[in-house]
Amino acid sequence: MNVAIIIVNYRTAGLTIDCLASLAPERERMPGLRVYLTDNASGDGSVDLLRKSIDENGWGDWVHLRPLPRNGGFSYGNNEGIREAIAVEPRFDSILLLNPDTYIRPGAVLTLVEFLERHPDVGIAGSRLEDPDGTAQRSAFRFPTVASEFEQSLKFGPVSRLLASKLVAPPVPEADCPTGWVAGASMLIRRSVFDAIGLLDEAFFMYYEEVDFCLRAARAGFPCWYVPESRVVHLVGQASGVTNAAKSRRRRPGYWFDSRRRFFIRNYGRAYAVAADLAHSTAYMACRMRCLLTGKASADPERYLRDFFGHNALMRGTEP
């Protein structure tokens, strides 16, 4: 049961240390477990704090810290860790991508590893993500489509019920099940998947990289499954700030729009991407009009529509 865990830190040293502490007991169950921790040029003293914590806790024999020269994004940071893991320990059968703003429940990693061992046809397995109080988060998803873009932006109950089979985030499954993609916060990937399709696409700075990776894997014959017995606490948005509910009104960064555009163009072509943009923007404007007529306050990020039009496939037809 040799598994490499990749964690990318960017100015979240305290959270990363908590994540490592939760992994320490797991290593007793899995002596072959190794962590490859990269730091995306945090520049805030994270590297010193992490190195000190690794030394003080005696984690140095299984946690390998590597400072990177630049902040190249989530895919870049993970890929650098994956490359190091494969070069140092080519015997790793699977690689777990784990967010720094997570901590695992006992047995979470072992459960995923054993699932892949029992299902040799499965390429990717994802954990049940949950709040600290145990409330499940949606972490098993369908791939985005024109219909899902329309439903997600319109936010209108009757339409959502009509398009229930197209929802990107369906209700949380209670049992193991196949799914389109799982959240990259805790995603175990069989080594043969990397051998077949390569690493994460580093043109995605952050967001949509795991969606793209799971779609490429599925097209290559490696299905993805959701495994709720593997439970991981996810402090949503603490690492990026984008999906943090307390900061939901904050202006969405340009890389989110660029990643969305790249996903649609790369996987479905520019014409489909334009159709998805039209569905998204039309439904969004209808939703805002409904809010104005009913007096309901909007929880959308500031300048969202302006930023969306500045980054969409019609105005900027090439991939970022």
Foldseek 3Di string as FASTA:
>chain_A
DAEEEEEEAAPPLVLLLQQVVLCVVVCVVPVNYAYEYEYAPNVPCSVVSNVVSCVVVVVVVRYHYYYDPHLLADQVRRVVSVVVCCVVPVPHFKYKYAYSQKHWDPPLVVLQVVVCVVPVQAFKEFEFEAAPVRHTDQFFFAAAALLQLLCVQQVDVVSCVVCVVRHGGHPDDPAKDWGQFGDSNIMMGGPVLCVQQNGFDSLQRDPPRRNLSSNVSVVVRHTYMYHHVNYMYGPPCPRPVPPHLVSQQAAHDLSHLLSLQQSCCVPPNLVRQVSSLVSNLVSNVNNVVVCVVVVNDDSHYPPHNVSNVVRGCVNPVDRD
